[in-house]
């Protein structure tokens, strides 16, 4: 009977700790809500290394970041279909100061993301969201 109680206690602890760990892992790659072209970034698997925008977006799609921070820095990298940034790829940089929304083609050098796969790092207040998307 003692063994049964001990196993039940262990099961309760695991049931409480494992979901929290999974949520914490997801919080690492998506610490704040992000939408692109009206689509929410979603973490598809507990072990994902980035969140994903499901459908392709236009090169002028609006990025919206739900954070209290006043300065948001976005780096957009070309990548392969698995989200691996291309070697030597220079990022497109979008600065959002005093706003939570910006089209992704409003970059520092005036270039829009090319059609294809991209991964972006969105930095705000010491936290970084990592989001994979495709430009049509």
C-alpha atoms as a PDB file:
ATOM      1  CA  UNK A   1       0.000   0.000   0.000  1.00  0.00           C
ATOM      2  CA  UNK A   2       2.878   2.363   0.800  1.00  0.00           C
ATOM      3  CA  UNK A   3       4.378   1.665  -2.605  1.00  0.00           C
ATOM      4  CA  UNK A   4       1.059   2.466  -4.242  1.00  0.00           C
ATOM      5  CA  UNK A   5       0.846   5.819  -2.413  1.00  0.00           C
ATOM      6  CA  UNK A   6       4.431   6.616  -3.347  1.00  0.00           C
ATOM      7  CA  UNK A   7       3.760   5.831  -7.011  1.00  0.00           C
ATOM      8  CA  UNK A   8       0.588   7.919  -6.938  1.00  0.00           C
ATOM      9  CA  UNK A   9       2.472  10.859  -5.382  1.00  0.00           C
ATOM     10  CA  UNK A  10       5.196  10.549  -8.048  1.00  0.00           C
ATOM     11  CA  UNK A  11       2.554  10.492 -10.781  1.00  0.00           C
ATOM     12  CA  UNK A  12       0.938  13.669  -9.420  1.00  0.00           C
ATOM     13  CA  UNK A  13       4.316  15.432  -9.310  1.00  0.00           C
ATOM     14  CA  UNK A  14       5.098  14.385 -12.897  1.00  0.00           C
ATOM     15  CA  UNK A  15       1.634  15.483 -14.049  1.00  0.00           C
ATOM     16  CA  UNK A  16       2.259  18.932 -12.587  1.00  0.00           C
ATOM     17  CA  UNK A  17       5.918  19.378 -13.570  1.00  0.00           C
ATOM     18  CA  UNK A  18       5.984  18.026 -17.150  1.00  0.00           C
ATOM     19  CA  UNK A  19       3.334  20.391 -18.586  1.00  0.00           C
ATOM     20  CA  UNK A  20       5.080  23.329 -16.908  1.00  0.00           C
ATOM     21  CA  UNK A  21       8.390  22.277 -18.469  1.00  0.00           C
ATOM     22  CA  UNK A  22       6.772  21.954 -21.891  1.00  0.00           C
ATOM     23  CA  UNK A  23       5.188  25.386 -21.535  1.00  0.00           C
ATOM     24  CA  UNK A  24       8.505  26.840 -20.384  1.00  0.00           C
ATOM     25  CA  UNK A  25      10.275  25.397 -23.456  1.00  0.00           C
ATOM     26  CA  UNK A  26       7.628  26.962 -25.684  1.00  0.00           C
ATOM     27  CA  UNK A  27       7.942  30.251 -23.825  1.00  0.00           C
ATOM     28  CA  UNK A  28      11.622  30.300 -24.740  1.00  0.00           C
ATOM     29  CA  UNK A  29      10.910  30.456 -28.489  1.00  0.00           C
ATOM     30  CA  UNK A  30       7.703  32.493 -28.291  1.00  0.00           C
ATOM     31  CA  UNK A  31       7.879  34.624 -25.118  1.00  0.00           C
ATOM     32  CA  UNK A  32       5.226  37.021 -26.446  1.00  0.00           C
ATOM     33  CA  UNK A  33       2.421  36.734 -29.033  1.00  0.00           C
ATOM     34  CA  UNK A  34       3.416  37.395 -32.647  1.00  0.00           C
ATOM     35  CA  UNK A  35       1.232  37.670 -35.743  1.00  0.00           C
ATOM     36  CA  UNK A  36       2.299  38.062 -39.361  1.00  0.00           C
ATOM     37  CA  UNK A  37      -0.176  38.894 -42.102  1.00  0.00           C
ATOM     38  CA  UNK A  38      -2.990  38.361 -39.592  1.00  0.00           C
ATOM     39  CA  UNK A  39      -1.818  34.818 -38.720  1.00  0.00           C
ATOM     40  CA  UNK A  40      -0.702  33.888 -35.211  1.00  0.00           C
ATOM     41  CA  UNK A  41       2.700  32.285 -34.763  1.00  0.00           C
ATOM     42  CA  UNK A  42       2.123  28.806 -33.327  1.00  0.00           C
ATOM     43  CA  UNK A  43       4.432  26.343 -31.625  1.00  0.00           C
ATOM     44  CA  UNK A  44       3.568  23.079 -33.399  1.00  0.00           C
ATOM     45  CA  UNK A  45       5.529  20.593 -31.252  1.00  0.00           C
ATOM     46  CA  UNK A  46       6.808  20.677 -27.664  1.00  0.00           C
ATOM     47  CA  UNK A  47      10.412  20.280 -28.877  1.00  0.00           C
ATOM     48  CA  UNK A  48      10.151  22.888 -31.667  1.00  0.00           C
ATOM     49  CA  UNK A  49      13.006  25.364 -32.080  1.00  0.00           C
ATOM     50  CA  UNK A  50      10.767  27.999 -33.653  1.00  0.00           C
ATOM     51  CA  UNK A  51       7.121  28.968 -33.898  1.00  0.00           C
ATOM     52  CA  UNK A  52       5.534  28.861 -37.346  1.00  0.00           C
ATOM     53  CA  UNK A  53       3.230  30.993 -39.476  1.00  0.00           C
ATOM     54  CA  UNK A  54       1.032  28.416 -41.201  1.00  0.00           C
ATOM     55  CA  UNK A  55       0.306  29.990 -44.583  1.00  0.00           C
ATOM     56  CA  UNK A  56       2.597  31.984 -46.917  1.00  0.00           C
ATOM     57  CA  UNK A  57       2.430  35.762 -46.552  1.00  0.00           C
ATOM     58  CA  UNK A  58       3.093  38.738 -48.817  1.00  0.00           C
ATOM     59  CA  UNK A  59       6.489  40.454 -48.679  1.00  0.00           C
ATOM     60  CA  UNK A  60       4.630  43.478 -47.291  1.00  0.00           C
ATOM     61  CA  UNK A  61       2.756  41.531 -44.574  1.00  0.00           C
ATOM     62  CA  UNK A  62       2.240  43.348 -41.298  1.00  0.00           C
ATOM     63  CA  UNK A  63       4.156  42.039 -38.282  1.00  0.00           C
ATOM     64  CA  UNK A  64       2.479  42.631 -34.910  1.00  0.00           C
ATOM     65  CA  UNK A  65       4.261  41.964 -31.619  1.00  0.00           C
ATOM     66  CA  UNK A  66       2.332  41.971 -28.334  1.00  0.00           C
ATOM     67  CA  UNK A  67       4.847  43.286 -25.821  1.00  0.00           C
ATOM     68  CA  UNK A  68       5.078  46.240 -23.446  1.00  0.00           C
ATOM     69  CA  UNK A  69       8.544  47.134 -24.726  1.00  0.00           C
ATOM     70  CA  UNK A  70       9.052  50.365 -26.645  1.00  0.00           C
ATOM     71  CA  UNK A  71      11.906  49.044 -28.852  1.00  0.00           C
ATOM     72  CA  UNK A  72      11.570  45.886 -30.939  1.00  0.00           C
ATOM     73  CA  UNK A  73      14.348  44.649 -33.227  1.00  0.00           C
ATOM     74  CA  UNK A  74      13.565  42.094 -35.926  1.00  0.00           C
ATOM     75  CA  UNK A  75      16.218  40.168 -37.883  1.00  0.00           C
ATOM     76  CA  UNK A  76      14.897  38.246 -40.902  1.00  0.00           C
ATOM     77  CA  UNK A  77      17.111  35.522 -42.390  1.00  0.00           C
ATOM     78  CA  UNK A  78      16.711  33.473 -45.568  1.00  0.00           C
ATOM     79  CA  UNK A  79      16.511  29.797 -44.599  1.00  0.00           C
ATOM     80  CA  UNK A  80      15.748  26.342 -45.925  1.00  0.00           C
ATOM     81  CA  UNK A  81      12.455  24.487 -45.467  1.00  0.00           C
ATOM     82  CA  UNK A  82      13.690  23.185 -42.088  1.00  0.00           C
ATOM     83  CA  UNK A  83      14.355  26.670 -40.719  1.00  0.00           C
ATOM     84  CA  UNK A  84      18.154  26.519 -41.008  1.00  0.00           C
ATOM     85  CA  UNK A  85      19.504  29.971 -41.853  1.00  0.00           C
ATOM     86  CA  UNK A  86      21.587  30.017 -45.014  1.00  0.00           C
ATOM     87  CA  UNK A  87      25.349  30.297 -44.430  1.00  0.00           C
ATOM     88  CA  UNK A  88      26.597  33.852 -44.754  1.00  0.00           C
ATOM     89  CA  UNK A  89      23.094  35.245 -45.202  1.00  0.00           C
ATOM     90  CA  UNK A  90      22.837  38.881 -44.152  1.00  0.00           C
ATOM     91  CA  UNK A  91      19.655  39.563 -42.199  1.00  0.00           C
ATOM     92  CA  UNK A  92      17.086  42.142 -43.110  1.00  0.00           C
ATOM     93  CA  UNK A  93      16.567  44.386 -40.085  1.00  0.00           C
ATOM     94  CA  UNK A  94      13.282  45.970 -39.039  1.00  0.00           C
ATOM     95  CA  UNK A  95      13.317  48.451 -36.148  1.00  0.00           C
ATOM     96  CA  UNK A  96      10.044  49.126 -34.373  1.00  0.00           C
ATOM     97  CA  UNK A  97      10.297  52.012 -31.937  1.00  0.00           C
ATOM     98  CA  UNK A  98       7.176  53.313 -30.245  1.00  0.00           C
ATOM     99  CA  UNK A  99       5.001  50.923 -32.253  1.00  0.00           C
ATOM    100  CA  UNK A 100       4.025  47.269 -32.067  1.00  0.00           C
ATOM    101  CA  UNK A 101       3.279  46.867 -35.794  1.00  0.00           C
ATOM    102  CA  UNK A 102       5.302  47.200 -38.982  1.00  0.00           C
ATOM    103  CA  UNK A 103       5.279  45.723 -42.484  1.00  0.00           C
ATOM    104  CA  UNK A 104       8.191  43.293 -42.886  1.00  0.00           C
ATOM    105  CA  UNK A 105       9.357  45.122 -46.009  1.00  0.00           C
ATOM    106  CA  UNK A 106      10.070  48.274 -43.969  1.00  0.00           C
ATOM    107  CA  UNK A 107      13.702  47.253 -43.457  1.00  0.00           C
ATOM    108  CA  UNK A 108      16.753  49.359 -42.646  1.00  0.00           C
ATOM    109  CA  UNK A 109      18.125  48.906 -46.190  1.00  0.00           C
ATOM    110  CA  UNK A 110      14.741  49.178 -47.924  1.00  0.00           C
ATOM    111  CA  UNK A 111      14.767  45.568 -49.183  1.00  0.00           C
ATOM    112  CA  UNK A 112      11.756  43.294 -48.882  1.00  0.00           C
ATOM    113  CA  UNK A 113      12.051  39.601 -48.013  1.00  0.00           C
ATOM    114  CA  UNK A 114      12.351  37.564 -51.215  1.00  0.00           C
ATOM    115  CA  UNK A 115       9.902  34.770 -52.000  1.00  0.00           C
ATOM    116  CA  UNK A 116      10.867  31.637 -50.082  1.00  0.00           C
ATOM    117  CA  UNK A 117      11.448  30.500 -46.503  1.00  0.00           C
ATOM    118  CA  UNK A 118      12.584  32.808 -43.724  1.00  0.00           C
ATOM    119  CA  UNK A 119      13.191  32.693 -40.007  1.00  0.00           C
ATOM    120  CA  UNK A 120      13.019  35.840 -37.913  1.00  0.00           C
ATOM    121  CA  UNK A 121      14.307  36.657 -34.465  1.00  0.00           C
ATOM    122  CA  UNK A 122      12.147  39.251 -32.740  1.00  0.00           C
ATOM    123  CA  UNK A 123      13.934  40.837 -29.783  1.00  0.00           C
ATOM    124  CA  UNK A 124      12.066  42.883 -27.171  1.00  0.00           C
ATOM    125  CA  UNK A 125      13.109  43.564 -23.597  1.00  0.00           C
ATOM    126  CA  UNK A 126      15.727  40.835 -23.367  1.00  0.00           C
ATOM    127  CA  UNK A 127      13.402  38.131 -24.758  1.00  0.00           C
ATOM    128  CA  UNK A 128      13.621  36.679 -28.265  1.00  0.00           C
ATOM    129  CA  UNK A 129      10.844  35.065 -30.294  1.00  0.00           C
ATOM    130  CA  UNK A 130      11.947  32.809 -33.167  1.00  0.00           C
ATOM    131  CA  UNK A 131       9.398  32.485 -35.994  1.00  0.00           C
ATOM    132  CA  UNK A 132       9.510  30.583 -39.306  1.00  0.00           C
ATOM    133  CA  UNK A 133       7.457  31.872 -42.259  1.00  0.00           C
ATOM    134  CA  UNK A 134       7.228  31.715 -46.031  1.00  0.00           C
ATOM    135  CA  UNK A 135       6.889  34.648 -48.428  1.00  0.00           C
ATOM    136  CA  UNK A 136       4.805  33.892 -51.524  1.00  0.00           C
END
